[in-house]
Amino acid sequence: MAVDLKRELLRLLDEDEEFRYAVAGRIGILEILKRLDRLEEGQNRLWEEVRSLREGQNKLWEEVRDLRYAFNRLEGRVDRLEGRVDRLEKRVSKGFAELGSALGVTYEMHANAYIQVLLEELGYPDARVGGGYVLKDGEVLEIDMFCEDPLVVGEVTSRLRDEEEMNREIAKLLERVEAVSSKYGKKPFMVVLSVGVAPETLVEKLRTETEKHDIRLILGREIEEALSA
């Protein structure tokens, strides 16, 4: 009898789901199974979220690659644009040089413009620099660079070849400084000798001689650098 009952119970457990859950409930397994089911559902949702995150990460990397590609293209365009700007600047500079030559813009004009800008930076915005004249012993002396307020006297030469020419230009300038000082009753605020081109071997001697006479020496390359800045 006991053996037959045991076999019947085992059969019911295998074949009858309702009976199986009833037995499980009696022995407390049903609650465990329900928890396991909920745990499995939670685990499935977690994996779904992981897959969603992975998909989002893949999309993000695709966007990063797209942005990197776009940035590289933009960088290439910027490089090409900078090259075009450089070429344009050279063409404009060349154009201005050709225009200046066509209009007869001389080195003397550039030198006077340079000193005028310098005076503006020194606090004389209304200063006007240009050519001038002064009388000395009945003789009219031409001045290449002249400003009345503040008092500026200067000589401009496009080229000095040797010491003889250098000494001649300095003496010419000092003669005009003396005449202007006598006329206005005061020393000039600034005395300038502007030289366009001179041999390197002469430049140091130029600096020494102009410093000796308190003359401001301006070389052509300084003006060129200032105008191209």
Protein backbone atom coordinates (compact mmCIF):
# COMPACT_ATOMS: atom_id res chain seq x y z
CA MET A 1 0.00 0.00 0.00
CA ALA A 2 2.75 2.47 0.96
CA VAL A 3 4.71 1.65 -2.16
CA ASP A 4 1.71 2.19 -4.41
CA LEU A 5 0.96 5.53 -2.76
CA LYS A 6 4.54 6.64 -3.20
CA ARG A 7 4.45 5.75 -6.87
CA GLU A 8 1.20 7.62 -7.33
CA LEU A 9 2.60 10.72 -5.65
CA LEU A 10 5.67 10.66 -7.83
CA ARG A 11 3.49 10.25 -10.92
CA LEU A 12 1.34 13.18 -9.93
CA LEU A 13 4.41 15.32 -9.29
CA ASP A 14 5.69 14.52 -12.76
CA GLU A 15 2.42 14.78 -14.65
CA ASP A 16 0.11 17.09 -12.71
CA GLU A 17 1.41 20.67 -12.60
CA GLU A 18 -1.36 21.87 -10.27
CA PHE A 19 -0.61 19.10 -7.83
CA ARG A 20 3.11 19.84 -8.11
CA TYR A 21 2.56 23.56 -7.21
CA ALA A 22 0.24 22.56 -4.39
CA VAL A 23 2.91 20.36 -2.91
CA ALA A 24 5.58 23.01 -3.48
CA GLY A 25 3.41 25.57 -1.74
CA ARG A 26 3.00 23.32 1.22
CA ILE A 27 6.73 22.86 1.62
CA GLY A 28 7.58 26.58 0.92
CA ILE A 29 9.21 26.04 -2.46
CA LEU A 30 6.57 27.99 -4.38
CA GLU A 31 7.68 31.31 -2.93
CA ILE A 32 11.27 30.49 -3.78
CA LEU A 33 10.29 29.65 -7.34
CA LYS A 34 8.36 32.90 -7.69
CA ARG A 35 11.38 34.82 -6.45
CA LEU A 36 13.56 32.99 -8.92
CA ASP A 37 11.13 33.89 -11.69
CA ARG A 38 11.21 37.56 -10.66
CA LEU A 39 14.98 37.42 -10.46
CA GLU A 40 15.16 35.97 -13.95
CA GLU A 41 12.85 38.70 -15.24
CA GLY A 42 15.04 41.35 -13.58
CA GLN A 43 18.12 39.78 -15.05
CA ASN A 44 16.53 39.81 -18.51
CA ARG A 45 15.66 43.50 -18.14
CA LEU A 46 19.22 44.19 -17.02
CA TRP A 47 20.62 42.51 -20.11
CA GLU A 48 18.24 44.50 -22.26
CA GLU A 49 19.52 47.70 -20.66
CA VAL A 50 23.11 46.55 -21.18
CA ARG A 51 22.35 45.91 -24.85
CA SER A 52 20.71 49.36 -25.10
CA LEU A 53 23.75 50.96 -23.48
CA ARG A 54 26.05 49.09 -25.85
CA GLU A 55 24.00 50.24 -28.83
CA GLY A 56 24.10 53.80 -27.50
CA GLN A 57 27.86 53.53 -27.05
CA ASN A 58 28.25 52.28 -30.62
CA LYS A 59 26.16 55.18 -31.89
CA LEU A 60 28.27 57.59 -29.82
CA TRP A 61 31.49 56.23 -31.30
CA GLU A 62 29.99 56.56 -34.76
CA GLU A 63 29.15 60.20 -34.01
CA VAL A 64 32.68 60.75 -32.67
CA ARG A 65 34.14 59.28 -35.87
CA ASP A 66 31.84 61.49 -37.93
CA LEU A 67 32.88 64.55 -35.91
CA ARG A 68 36.56 63.64 -36.26
CA TYR A 69 36.15 63.23 -40.00
CA ALA A 70 34.31 66.59 -40.21
CA PHE A 71 37.01 68.24 -38.09
CA ASN A 72 39.78 66.88 -40.33
CA ARG A 73 37.96 68.20 -43.37
CA LEU A 74 37.50 71.59 -41.67
CA GLU A 75 41.16 71.66 -40.66
CA GLY A 76 42.14 70.97 -44.24
CA ARG A 77 39.89 73.78 -45.44
CA VAL A 78 41.41 76.15 -42.85
CA ASP A 79 44.92 75.23 -44.00
CA ARG A 80 43.95 75.88 -47.61
CA LEU A 81 42.30 79.16 -46.59
CA GLU A 82 45.42 80.26 -44.71
CA GLY A 83 47.48 79.50 -47.79
CA ARG A 84 45.12 81.58 -49.91
CA VAL A 85 45.30 84.45 -47.37
CA ASP A 86 49.11 84.33 -47.43
CA ARG A 87 49.11 84.46 -51.21
CA LEU A 88 46.58 87.29 -51.13
CA GLU A 89 48.70 89.27 -48.65
CA LYS A 90 51.72 88.89 -50.93
CA ARG A 91 49.69 90.03 -53.92
CA VAL A 92 48.33 93.01 -51.97
CA SER A 93 51.80 93.98 -50.75
CA LYS A 94 53.13 93.70 -54.27
CA GLY A 95 50.18 95.71 -55.53
CA PHE A 96 50.80 98.48 -53.04
CA ALA A 97 54.46 98.55 -53.95
CA GLU A 98 53.61 98.78 -57.65
CA LEU A 99 50.97 101.44 -56.94
CA GLY A 100 53.44 103.43 -54.88
CA SER A 101 55.96 103.24 -57.68
CA ALA A 102 53.35 104.32 -60.22
CA LEU A 103 52.27 107.28 -58.08
CA GLY A 104 55.83 108.31 -57.38
CA VAL A 105 55.75 107.44 -53.67
CA THR A 106 59.37 107.81 -52.70
CA TYR A 107 61.44 106.56 -49.83
CA GLU A 108 61.39 110.10 -48.46
CA MET A 109 57.58 109.97 -48.27
CA HIS A 110 57.73 106.64 -46.43
CA ALA A 111 60.32 108.03 -44.00
CA ASN A 112 58.21 111.12 -43.25
CA ALA A 113 55.10 108.96 -42.73
CA TYR A 114 57.08 106.74 -40.36
CA ILE A 115 58.22 109.71 -38.24
CA GLN A 116 54.69 111.13 -38.19
CA VAL A 117 53.34 107.86 -36.80
CA LEU A 118 56.17 107.81 -34.27
CA LEU A 119 55.28 111.32 -33.11
CA GLU A 120 51.63 110.32 -32.75
CA GLU A 121 52.69 107.43 -30.52
CA LEU A 122 54.80 109.88 -28.47
CA GLY A 123 51.73 112.02 -27.78
CA TYR A 124 51.64 114.39 -30.75
CA PRO A 125 48.55 113.31 -32.74
CA ASP A 126 48.40 116.59 -34.69
CA ALA A 127 52.04 116.51 -35.81
CA ARG A 128 52.57 116.85 -39.56
CA VAL A 129 55.88 115.83 -41.08
CA GLY A 130 57.00 116.80 -44.57
CA GLY A 131 59.56 118.80 -46.49
CA GLY A 132 60.55 122.31 -45.39
CA TYR A 133 62.89 125.24 -45.92
CA VAL A 134 65.02 127.47 -43.72
CA LEU A 135 67.17 130.54 -44.41
CA LYS A 136 70.82 130.66 -43.41
CA ASP A 137 72.94 133.66 -44.28
CA GLY A 138 70.57 134.51 -47.10
CA GLU A 139 70.69 131.01 -48.53
CA VAL A 140 67.58 128.82 -48.70
CA LEU A 141 68.26 125.35 -47.29
CA GLU A 142 65.88 122.56 -48.19
CA ILE A 143 64.93 120.16 -45.38
CA ASP A 144 63.77 116.64 -46.27
CA MET A 145 62.00 116.03 -42.99
CA PHE A 146 60.50 118.88 -41.01
CA CYS A 147 57.83 119.36 -38.34
CA GLU A 148 57.19 122.62 -36.52
CA ASP A 149 55.34 121.25 -33.49
CA PRO A 150 57.14 119.40 -32.06
CA LEU A 151 60.26 120.71 -33.75
CA VAL A 152 61.76 117.95 -35.90
CA VAL A 153 64.59 118.22 -38.43
CA GLY A 154 65.75 115.32 -40.56
CA GLU A 155 67.53 114.30 -43.70
CA VAL A 156 66.58 111.38 -45.89
CA THR A 157 68.84 109.54 -48.30
CA SER A 158 67.95 106.40 -50.19
CA ARG A 159 71.52 105.07 -50.21
CA LEU A 160 74.89 105.60 -48.59
CA ARG A 161 77.84 103.88 -50.22
CA ASP A 162 80.84 104.87 -48.07
CA GLU A 163 82.10 106.99 -45.19
CA GLU A 164 82.54 110.02 -47.39
CA GLU A 165 78.85 110.09 -48.27
CA MET A 166 77.98 109.37 -44.64
CA ASN A 167 80.02 112.33 -43.36
CA ARG A 168 78.56 114.58 -46.02
CA GLU A 169 74.98 113.70 -45.07
CA ILE A 170 75.63 114.17 -41.36
CA ALA A 171 77.28 117.55 -41.97
CA LYS A 172 74.34 118.58 -44.17
CA LEU A 173 71.90 117.60 -41.44
CA LEU A 174 73.82 119.43 -38.69
CA GLU A 175 73.88 122.57 -40.82
CA ARG A 176 70.09 122.52 -41.04
CA VAL A 177 69.74 121.77 -37.34
CA GLU A 178 71.83 124.84 -36.56
CA ALA A 179 69.75 127.04 -38.87
CA VAL A 180 66.42 125.78 -37.47
CA SER A 181 67.63 126.16 -33.87
CA SER A 182 68.64 129.75 -34.61
CA LYS A 183 65.28 130.56 -36.19
CA TYR A 184 63.10 129.03 -33.45
CA GLY A 185 65.39 129.81 -30.54
CA LYS A 186 65.50 126.22 -29.29
CA LYS A 187 66.96 122.83 -30.09
CA PRO A 188 64.83 120.41 -32.11
CA PHE A 189 62.77 117.86 -30.22
CA MET A 190 64.12 115.23 -32.58
CA VAL A 191 66.89 115.10 -35.17
CA VAL A 192 66.61 112.26 -37.69
CA LEU A 193 68.80 110.72 -40.36
CA SER A 194 66.95 108.12 -42.41
CA VAL A 195 69.00 105.88 -44.68
CA GLY A 196 67.32 103.50 -47.11
CA VAL A 197 70.24 101.21 -47.88
CA ALA A 198 73.80 101.06 -46.58
CA PRO A 199 76.49 98.36 -46.54
CA GLU A 200 76.60 96.36 -43.32
CA THR A 201 80.19 97.49 -42.85
CA LEU A 202 78.96 101.08 -42.79
CA VAL A 203 75.95 100.62 -40.54
CA GLU A 204 77.92 100.35 -37.30
CA LYS A 205 79.90 103.51 -38.16
CA LEU A 206 76.61 105.21 -38.91
CA ARG A 207 75.28 104.26 -35.50
CA THR A 208 78.40 105.54 -33.77
CA GLU A 209 78.43 108.89 -35.60
CA THR A 210 74.71 109.57 -35.20
CA GLU A 211 74.80 108.74 -31.48
CA LYS A 212 77.73 111.15 -31.11
CA HIS A 213 75.56 114.01 -32.44
CA ASP A 214 72.32 112.87 -30.75
CA ILE A 215 70.79 111.97 -34.11
CA ARG A 216 68.09 109.34 -34.37
CA LEU A 217 69.16 106.87 -37.09
CA ILE A 218 66.39 105.07 -38.98
CA LEU A 219 67.25 102.42 -41.54
CA GLY A 220 65.08 101.46 -44.48
CA ARG A 221 64.49 97.95 -43.18
CA GLU A 222 62.97 99.37 -39.98
CA ILE A 223 60.45 101.35 -42.04
CA GLU A 224 59.73 98.34 -44.21
CA GLU A 225 59.07 96.15 -41.16
CA ALA A 226 56.80 98.82 -39.65
CA LEU A 227 54.78 99.24 -42.84
CA SER A 228 54.37 95.49 -43.33
CA ALA A 229 53.34 94.82 -39.70
